[in-house]
Amino acid sequence: MDRNGALIHVEQKVVEAGADMRNVITSTVGHAPDAPSVVTTGCGIQVAYAMTSVHPESVTCHACREHARREYLRFADQVERLSRMAGAAFTVDQATAATTRLRDLARRFST
């Protein structure tokens, strides 16, 4: 657990965190997963789930902010590459909108 208890972190799997991912799981399996009580963070420590956020403006741990920035940029690049493949499950316009949103999130984590 975070010794000083004052920092707000991001989950290590930041792209999979938050309400959007829970909504996908809920619509797929028919019920919402329970939120964990303790999670591993982007800076590598374990903290109470309540001490994490998916909102860049709320995250105060510098190492977690940098981790989230890298992960969102990596995922944006991955979506962009996948959109150029034949038979992609989404259109180029959808991929462009998604990568724009992801890169904006990355930018917000870097400030």
N, C-alpha and C. Protein backbone atom coordinates (compact mmCIF):
# COMPACT_ATOMS: atom_id res chain seq x y z
N MET A 1 0.83 -1.18 0.00
CA MET A 1 0.00 0.00 0.00
C MET A 1 0.88 1.25 0.00
N ASP A 2 0.34 2.33 -0.52
CA ASP A 2 1.05 3.61 -0.57
C ASP A 2 1.26 4.10 0.86
N ARG A 3 2.51 4.34 1.21
CA ARG A 3 2.82 4.69 2.60
C ARG A 3 2.22 6.03 3.03
N ASN A 4 2.29 7.04 2.13
CA ASN A 4 1.78 8.34 2.56
C ASN A 4 0.29 8.49 2.34
N GLY A 5 -0.30 7.64 1.51
CA GLY A 5 -1.74 7.63 1.34
C GLY A 5 -2.31 8.86 0.66
N ALA A 6 -1.46 9.79 0.25
CA ALA A 6 -1.95 11.05 -0.30
C ALA A 6 -2.03 11.06 -1.83
N LEU A 7 -1.30 10.17 -2.49
CA LEU A 7 -1.25 10.21 -3.94
C LEU A 7 -2.42 9.46 -4.57
N ILE A 8 -2.86 9.97 -5.70
CA ILE A 8 -3.86 9.28 -6.50
C ILE A 8 -3.12 8.68 -7.69
N HIS A 9 -3.36 7.41 -7.97
CA HIS A 9 -2.63 6.64 -8.96
C HIS A 9 -3.53 6.24 -10.12
N VAL A 10 -2.94 5.54 -11.11
CA VAL A 10 -3.71 4.87 -12.15
C VAL A 10 -3.44 3.38 -12.03
N GLU A 11 -4.39 2.58 -12.46
CA GLU A 11 -4.17 1.14 -12.48
C GLU A 11 -3.10 0.81 -13.51
N GLN A 12 -2.36 -0.26 -13.26
CA GLN A 12 -1.30 -0.66 -14.17
C GLN A 12 -1.85 -0.90 -15.58
N LYS A 13 -3.02 -1.52 -15.68
CA LYS A 13 -3.66 -1.75 -16.97
C LYS A 13 -4.64 -0.60 -17.22
N VAL A 14 -4.11 0.59 -17.35
CA VAL A 14 -4.89 1.82 -17.42
C VAL A 14 -5.88 1.83 -18.58
N VAL A 15 -5.52 1.24 -19.71
CA VAL A 15 -6.41 1.24 -20.86
C VAL A 15 -7.64 0.37 -20.58
N GLU A 16 -7.49 -0.63 -19.73
CA GLU A 16 -8.59 -1.53 -19.40
C GLU A 16 -9.38 -1.08 -18.17
N ALA A 17 -8.99 0.01 -17.56
CA ALA A 17 -9.63 0.46 -16.32
C ALA A 17 -10.83 1.34 -16.61
N GLY A 18 -11.69 1.47 -15.64
CA GLY A 18 -12.77 2.43 -15.71
C GLY A 18 -14.10 1.89 -16.20
N ALA A 19 -15.04 2.79 -16.28
CA ALA A 19 -16.42 2.44 -16.59
C ALA A 19 -16.59 1.89 -18.00
N ASP A 20 -15.83 2.41 -18.97
CA ASP A 20 -15.99 1.93 -20.35
C ASP A 20 -15.72 0.43 -20.44
N MET A 21 -14.65 -0.03 -19.82
CA MET A 21 -14.33 -1.46 -19.87
C MET A 21 -15.37 -2.28 -19.10
N ARG A 22 -15.81 -1.79 -17.95
CA ARG A 22 -16.86 -2.51 -17.20
C ARG A 22 -18.14 -2.60 -18.03
N ASN A 23 -18.46 -1.55 -18.79
CA ASN A 23 -19.65 -1.58 -19.65
C ASN A 23 -19.52 -2.62 -20.75
N VAL A 24 -18.34 -2.76 -21.33
CA VAL A 24 -18.11 -3.77 -22.36
C VAL A 24 -18.30 -5.17 -21.77
N ILE A 25 -17.71 -5.40 -20.61
CA ILE A 25 -17.84 -6.71 -19.95
C ILE A 25 -19.29 -6.99 -19.59
N THR A 26 -19.97 -5.99 -19.06
CA THR A 26 -21.37 -6.15 -18.67
C THR A 26 -22.24 -6.49 -19.88
N SER A 27 -22.03 -5.80 -20.99
CA SER A 27 -22.84 -6.08 -22.17
C SER A 27 -22.50 -7.43 -22.78
N THR A 28 -21.29 -7.91 -22.56
CA THR A 28 -20.87 -9.20 -23.11
C THR A 28 -21.37 -10.37 -22.28
N VAL A 29 -21.20 -10.30 -20.96
CA VAL A 29 -21.53 -11.44 -20.10
C VAL A 29 -22.83 -11.27 -19.32
N GLY A 30 -23.39 -10.07 -19.33
CA GLY A 30 -24.69 -9.88 -18.70
C GLY A 30 -24.67 -9.43 -17.26
N HIS A 31 -23.50 -9.27 -16.66
CA HIS A 31 -23.45 -8.70 -15.31
C HIS A 31 -22.14 -7.97 -15.12
N ALA A 32 -22.16 -7.00 -14.21
CA ALA A 32 -20.99 -6.16 -13.97
C ALA A 32 -19.99 -6.87 -13.05
N PRO A 33 -18.71 -6.78 -13.40
CA PRO A 33 -17.70 -7.37 -12.51
C PRO A 33 -17.54 -6.50 -11.26
N ASP A 34 -17.17 -7.14 -10.16
CA ASP A 34 -16.89 -6.40 -8.94
C ASP A 34 -15.57 -5.66 -9.09
N ALA A 35 -15.52 -4.46 -8.57
CA ALA A 35 -14.26 -3.72 -8.55
C ALA A 35 -13.36 -4.35 -7.49
N PRO A 36 -12.07 -4.48 -7.79
CA PRO A 36 -11.16 -5.05 -6.80
C PRO A 36 -10.96 -4.09 -5.63
N SER A 37 -10.59 -4.60 -4.48
CA SER A 37 -10.35 -3.71 -3.35
C SER A 37 -8.94 -3.14 -3.38
N VAL A 38 -7.99 -3.89 -3.96
CA VAL A 38 -6.60 -3.45 -4.08
C VAL A 38 -6.14 -3.70 -5.50
N VAL A 39 -5.41 -2.74 -6.08
CA VAL A 39 -4.91 -2.88 -7.45
C VAL A 39 -3.43 -2.54 -7.50
N THR A 40 -2.76 -3.08 -8.51
CA THR A 40 -1.38 -2.69 -8.79
C THR A 40 -1.43 -1.46 -9.68
N THR A 41 -0.59 -0.49 -9.38
CA THR A 41 -0.62 0.79 -10.07
C THR A 41 0.45 0.88 -11.16
N GLY A 42 0.37 1.94 -11.93
CA GLY A 42 1.35 2.19 -12.97
C GLY A 42 2.75 2.38 -12.44
N CYS A 43 2.88 2.80 -11.20
CA CYS A 43 4.21 2.98 -10.60
C CYS A 43 4.68 1.72 -9.89
N GLY A 44 3.86 0.66 -9.93
CA GLY A 44 4.29 -0.63 -9.42
C GLY A 44 3.93 -0.97 -7.99
N ILE A 45 3.23 -0.10 -7.30
CA ILE A 45 2.83 -0.43 -5.93
C ILE A 45 1.38 -0.88 -5.91
N GLN A 46 0.95 -1.41 -4.79
CA GLN A 46 -0.45 -1.79 -4.62
C GLN A 46 -1.11 -0.78 -3.70
N VAL A 47 -2.28 -0.32 -4.14
CA VAL A 47 -3.05 0.64 -3.35
C VAL A 47 -4.51 0.23 -3.38
N ALA A 48 -5.28 0.82 -2.48
CA ALA A 48 -6.72 0.60 -2.50
C ALA A 48 -7.28 1.14 -3.81
N TYR A 49 -8.22 0.41 -4.39
CA TYR A 49 -8.84 0.82 -5.65
C TYR A 49 -9.36 2.25 -5.56
N ALA A 50 -9.85 2.64 -4.40
CA ALA A 50 -10.38 3.98 -4.20
C ALA A 50 -9.32 5.07 -4.36
N MET A 51 -8.04 4.69 -4.33
CA MET A 51 -6.95 5.65 -4.48
C MET A 51 -6.46 5.72 -5.93
N THR A 52 -7.30 5.29 -6.87
CA THR A 52 -6.95 5.36 -8.29
C THR A 52 -8.00 6.18 -9.03
N SER A 53 -7.61 6.65 -10.20
CA SER A 53 -8.54 7.40 -11.04
C SER A 53 -8.18 7.18 -12.50
N VAL A 54 -9.16 7.30 -13.37
CA VAL A 54 -8.92 7.25 -14.81
C VAL A 54 -8.89 8.66 -15.39
N HIS A 55 -9.12 9.66 -14.56
CA HIS A 55 -9.16 11.05 -15.00
C HIS A 55 -7.78 11.69 -14.80
N PRO A 56 -7.15 12.15 -15.87
CA PRO A 56 -5.79 12.71 -15.76
C PRO A 56 -5.67 13.83 -14.73
N GLU A 57 -6.69 14.66 -14.63
CA GLU A 57 -6.63 15.79 -13.71
C GLU A 57 -6.62 15.36 -12.24
N SER A 58 -7.03 14.13 -11.96
CA SER A 58 -7.08 13.64 -10.58
C SER A 58 -5.83 12.88 -10.16
N VAL A 59 -5.05 12.40 -11.10
CA VAL A 59 -3.88 11.57 -10.79
C VAL A 59 -2.73 12.47 -10.35
N THR A 60 -2.22 12.22 -9.14
CA THR A 60 -1.15 13.05 -8.57
C THR A 60 0.20 12.35 -8.53
N CYS A 61 0.23 11.05 -8.75
CA CYS A 61 1.49 10.30 -8.78
C CYS A 61 2.17 10.53 -10.13
N HIS A 62 3.35 11.14 -10.12
CA HIS A 62 4.05 11.47 -11.36
C HIS A 62 4.38 10.22 -12.17
N ALA A 63 4.86 9.18 -11.51
CA ALA A 63 5.22 7.94 -12.21
C ALA A 63 3.99 7.30 -12.87
N CYS A 64 2.85 7.36 -12.21
CA CYS A 64 1.61 6.82 -12.78
C CYS A 64 1.15 7.66 -13.97
N ARG A 65 1.31 8.97 -13.88
CA ARG A 65 0.93 9.84 -15.00
C ARG A 65 1.77 9.48 -16.23
N GLU A 66 3.06 9.29 -16.04
CA GLU A 66 3.95 8.94 -17.15
C GLU A 66 3.59 7.56 -17.70
N HIS A 67 3.30 6.62 -16.83
CA HIS A 67 2.89 5.29 -17.25
C HIS A 67 1.62 5.37 -18.11
N ALA A 68 0.62 6.12 -17.66
CA ALA A 68 -0.63 6.25 -18.39
C ALA A 68 -0.39 6.91 -19.75
N ARG A 69 0.45 7.94 -19.78
CA ARG A 69 0.76 8.60 -21.05
C ARG A 69 1.34 7.62 -22.05
N ARG A 70 2.32 6.83 -21.61
CA ARG A 70 2.95 5.84 -22.50
C ARG A 70 1.94 4.79 -22.96
N GLU A 71 1.11 4.30 -22.06
CA GLU A 71 0.14 3.26 -22.41
C GLU A 71 -0.91 3.77 -23.40
N TYR A 72 -1.41 4.99 -23.21
CA TYR A 72 -2.40 5.52 -24.15
C TYR A 72 -1.79 5.77 -25.52
N LEU A 73 -0.53 6.24 -25.57
CA LEU A 73 0.13 6.41 -26.86
C LEU A 73 0.38 5.07 -27.55
N ARG A 74 0.78 4.07 -26.78
CA ARG A 74 1.02 2.73 -27.33
C ARG A 74 -0.28 2.16 -27.89
N PHE A 75 -1.38 2.31 -27.16
CA PHE A 75 -2.66 1.78 -27.61
C PHE A 75 -3.15 2.54 -28.86
N ALA A 76 -2.95 3.85 -28.89
CA ALA A 76 -3.34 4.64 -30.07
C ALA A 76 -2.58 4.15 -31.30
N ASP A 77 -1.29 3.89 -31.15
CA ASP A 77 -0.49 3.37 -32.27
C ASP A 77 -1.00 2.01 -32.72
N GLN A 78 -1.37 1.18 -31.75
CA GLN A 78 -1.88 -0.15 -32.07
C GLN A 78 -3.21 -0.06 -32.83
N VAL A 79 -4.12 0.79 -32.40
CA VAL A 79 -5.39 0.96 -33.08
C VAL A 79 -5.16 1.48 -34.50
N GLU A 80 -4.24 2.41 -34.63
CA GLU A 80 -3.93 2.96 -35.95
C GLU A 80 -3.40 1.88 -36.90
N ARG A 81 -2.49 1.03 -36.40
CA ARG A 81 -1.96 -0.06 -37.22
C ARG A 81 -3.05 -1.05 -37.60
N LEU A 82 -3.89 -1.41 -36.64
CA LEU A 82 -4.96 -2.37 -36.90
C LEU A 82 -5.97 -1.84 -37.92
N SER A 83 -6.21 -0.55 -37.91
CA SER A 83 -7.20 0.02 -38.82
C SER A 83 -6.76 -0.07 -40.27
N ARG A 84 -5.46 -0.20 -40.50
CA ARG A 84 -4.95 -0.29 -41.87
C ARG A 84 -4.93 -1.72 -42.40
N MET A 85 -5.25 -2.68 -41.56
CA MET A 85 -5.24 -4.07 -41.98
C MET A 85 -6.54 -4.41 -42.71
N ALA A 86 -6.42 -5.28 -43.69
CA ALA A 86 -7.61 -5.74 -44.41
C ALA A 86 -8.53 -6.47 -43.44
N GLY A 87 -9.82 -6.21 -43.54
CA GLY A 87 -10.79 -6.88 -42.69
C GLY A 87 -10.88 -6.32 -41.29
N ALA A 88 -10.38 -5.11 -41.07
CA ALA A 88 -10.44 -4.51 -39.74
C ALA A 88 -11.89 -4.40 -39.29
N ALA A 89 -12.11 -4.56 -37.99
CA ALA A 89 -13.46 -4.56 -37.43
C ALA A 89 -14.03 -3.14 -37.28
N PHE A 90 -13.25 -2.14 -37.64
CA PHE A 90 -13.71 -0.76 -37.54
C PHE A 90 -13.18 0.03 -38.73
N THR A 91 -13.85 1.11 -39.03
CA THR A 91 -13.49 1.92 -40.19
C THR A 91 -12.30 2.81 -39.87
N VAL A 92 -11.70 3.36 -40.90
CA VAL A 92 -10.59 4.30 -40.72
C VAL A 92 -11.07 5.52 -39.95
N ASP A 93 -12.29 5.98 -40.25
CA ASP A 93 -12.84 7.14 -39.53
C ASP A 93 -13.02 6.84 -38.04
N GLN A 94 -13.50 5.64 -37.71
CA GLN A 94 -13.64 5.25 -36.31
C GLN A 94 -12.27 5.17 -35.64
N ALA A 95 -11.31 4.62 -36.34
CA ALA A 95 -9.95 4.51 -35.79
C ALA A 95 -9.35 5.89 -35.58
N THR A 96 -9.58 6.79 -36.53
CA THR A 96 -9.06 8.15 -36.39
C THR A 96 -9.65 8.84 -35.17
N ALA A 97 -10.95 8.69 -34.98
CA ALA A 97 -11.61 9.29 -33.82
C ALA A 97 -11.06 8.69 -32.52
N ALA A 98 -10.87 7.37 -32.51
CA ALA A 98 -10.35 6.71 -31.30
C ALA A 98 -8.92 7.14 -31.01
N THR A 99 -8.08 7.18 -32.03
CA THR A 99 -6.68 7.55 -31.79
C THR A 99 -6.56 9.01 -31.38
N THR A 100 -7.42 9.86 -31.93
CA THR A 100 -7.42 11.26 -31.50
C THR A 100 -7.76 11.37 -30.02
N ARG A 101 -8.78 10.63 -29.61
CA ARG A 101 -9.19 10.65 -28.19
C ARG A 101 -8.10 10.09 -27.29
N LEU A 102 -7.48 8.98 -27.72
CA LEU A 102 -6.42 8.36 -26.92
C LEU A 102 -5.19 9.26 -26.81
N ARG A 103 -4.82 9.90 -27.90
CA ARG A 103 -3.65 10.80 -27.86
C ARG A 103 -3.95 12.05 -27.03
N ASP A 104 -5.20 12.49 -27.05
CA ASP A 104 -5.58 13.61 -26.19
C ASP A 104 -5.47 13.21 -24.72
N LEU A 105 -5.92 12.00 -24.39
CA LEU A 105 -5.76 11.51 -23.01
C LEU A 105 -4.29 11.47 -22.63
N ALA A 106 -3.46 10.96 -23.52
CA ALA A 106 -2.01 10.89 -23.25
C ALA A 106 -1.45 12.29 -23.00
N ARG A 107 -1.87 13.25 -23.82
CA ARG A 107 -1.41 14.63 -23.64
C ARG A 107 -1.86 15.18 -22.28
N ARG A 108 -3.09 14.89 -21.88
CA ARG A 108 -3.59 15.37 -20.59
C ARG A 108 -2.82 14.74 -19.42
N PHE A 109 -2.35 13.51 -19.59
CA PHE A 109 -1.55 12.90 -18.52
C PHE A 109 -0.14 13.50 -18.46
N SER A 110 0.33 14.09 -19.55
CA SER A 110 1.70 14.62 -19.55
C SER A 110 1.80 16.02 -18.98
N THR A 111 0.67 16.68 -18.75
CA THR A 111 0.73 18.05 -18.24
C THR A 111 0.59 18.11 -16.74
